[in-house]
């Protein structure tokens, strides 16, 4: 069962990618620092919003995001993004779920 997004993004909002909980870290000593360096969050600004229809006919919201370190914006699913102001609480919740 799906749940409705807790936020509605608008053009001009500062966003960040949601933390992912599906981490796989190898047993090598150097794997953890390598993973940490590659898994830093991306921060950006919403430039446009559209709805695309999937094969079932459901409307999915997509956001055109200009990331801080890029010159060209890219499309991302709305549910993979969240407001930058909510980032700290989301990281804490993700870390708590991994420890449990």
Protein backbone atom coordinates (compact mmCIF):
# COMPACT_ATOMS: atom_id res chain seq x y z
CA UNK A 1 0.00 0.00 0.00
CA UNK A 2 1.42 3.36 -0.96
CA UNK A 3 1.28 6.51 1.12
CA UNK A 4 0.74 10.07 -0.04
CA UNK A 5 3.82 12.28 -0.06
CA UNK A 6 4.06 14.41 3.06
CA UNK A 7 5.10 17.47 1.07
CA UNK A 8 4.27 19.14 -2.20
CA UNK A 9 7.29 20.61 -3.92
CA UNK A 10 7.00 23.90 -5.77
CA UNK A 11 9.18 25.69 -8.28
CA UNK A 12 12.05 27.37 -6.46
CA UNK A 13 12.14 24.97 -3.48
CA UNK A 14 15.53 23.84 -2.18
CA UNK A 15 15.56 20.04 -2.32
CA UNK A 16 17.79 17.09 -1.50
CA UNK A 17 17.66 13.43 -2.51
CA UNK A 18 16.12 11.21 0.16
CA UNK A 19 18.58 9.00 2.04
CA UNK A 20 18.66 5.46 0.74
CA UNK A 21 18.55 2.58 3.18
CA UNK A 22 19.80 -0.12 0.85
CA UNK A 23 23.52 0.12 1.54
CA UNK A 24 25.90 -2.72 0.83
CA UNK A 25 29.42 -2.23 2.12
CA UNK A 26 32.15 -4.72 1.28
CA UNK A 27 34.37 -6.31 3.89
CA UNK A 28 37.53 -4.52 2.74
CA UNK A 29 39.01 -1.99 5.15
CA UNK A 30 38.82 0.81 2.59
CA UNK A 31 35.24 0.13 1.52
CA UNK A 32 33.48 2.19 4.19
CA UNK A 33 35.33 5.47 3.47
CA UNK A 34 34.89 4.92 -0.29
CA UNK A 35 31.16 4.38 0.16
CA UNK A 36 30.85 7.44 2.42
CA UNK A 37 32.60 9.61 -0.18
CA UNK A 38 30.30 8.40 -2.99
CA UNK A 39 27.04 8.59 -1.05
CA UNK A 40 27.00 12.28 -0.19
CA UNK A 41 23.58 13.89 -0.73
CA UNK A 42 22.86 16.13 -3.70
CA UNK A 43 21.30 19.52 -3.06
CA UNK A 44 19.49 21.55 -5.70
CA UNK A 45 16.59 23.79 -6.71
CA UNK A 46 13.32 22.77 -8.41
CA UNK A 47 13.00 24.47 -11.81
CA UNK A 48 9.86 22.82 -13.24
CA UNK A 49 7.14 20.28 -12.38
CA UNK A 50 5.28 17.92 -14.71
CA UNK A 51 3.09 14.84 -14.54
CA UNK A 52 3.96 11.77 -16.60
CA UNK A 53 1.63 8.82 -17.07
CA UNK A 54 3.00 5.34 -16.44
CA UNK A 55 1.88 2.15 -18.23
CA UNK A 56 -1.00 1.68 -15.76
CA UNK A 57 -2.31 5.15 -16.48
CA UNK A 58 -1.29 6.61 -13.12
CA UNK A 59 0.00 10.16 -13.05
CA UNK A 60 3.47 10.43 -11.51
CA UNK A 61 4.92 13.82 -10.57
CA UNK A 62 8.43 14.63 -11.78
CA UNK A 63 10.64 17.59 -10.89
CA UNK A 64 13.28 19.27 -13.01
CA UNK A 65 16.14 19.87 -10.56
CA UNK A 66 19.25 21.97 -11.03
CA UNK A 67 21.85 20.44 -8.70
CA UNK A 68 24.37 22.73 -7.02
CA UNK A 69 27.37 21.33 -8.88
CA UNK A 70 25.81 20.97 -12.36
CA UNK A 71 24.94 23.42 -15.11
CA UNK A 72 22.17 21.34 -16.69
CA UNK A 73 18.99 20.37 -14.80
CA UNK A 74 17.73 16.77 -14.75
CA UNK A 75 14.34 15.10 -14.18
CA UNK A 76 13.69 13.18 -10.96
CA UNK A 77 10.63 11.50 -9.45
CA UNK A 78 8.94 13.67 -6.82
CA UNK A 79 8.99 10.88 -4.23
CA UNK A 80 12.81 10.65 -4.35
CA UNK A 81 13.16 14.31 -3.26
CA UNK A 82 12.45 16.19 -0.09
CA UNK A 83 12.81 19.72 1.21
CA UNK A 84 16.28 20.69 2.38
CA UNK A 85 14.80 21.87 5.69
CA UNK A 86 13.63 18.29 6.42
CA UNK A 87 17.03 16.70 5.68
CA UNK A 88 18.40 16.43 9.25
CA UNK A 89 15.30 14.67 10.59
CA UNK A 90 15.26 12.24 7.63
CA UNK A 91 18.91 11.30 8.16
CA UNK A 92 18.31 10.68 11.85
CA UNK A 93 15.30 8.47 11.07
CA UNK A 94 17.25 6.51 8.44
CA UNK A 95 20.15 5.93 10.83
CA UNK A 96 17.78 4.80 13.57
CA UNK A 97 16.13 2.29 11.22
CA UNK A 98 19.51 0.83 10.24
CA UNK A 99 20.52 0.35 13.89
CA UNK A 100 17.28 -1.42 14.80
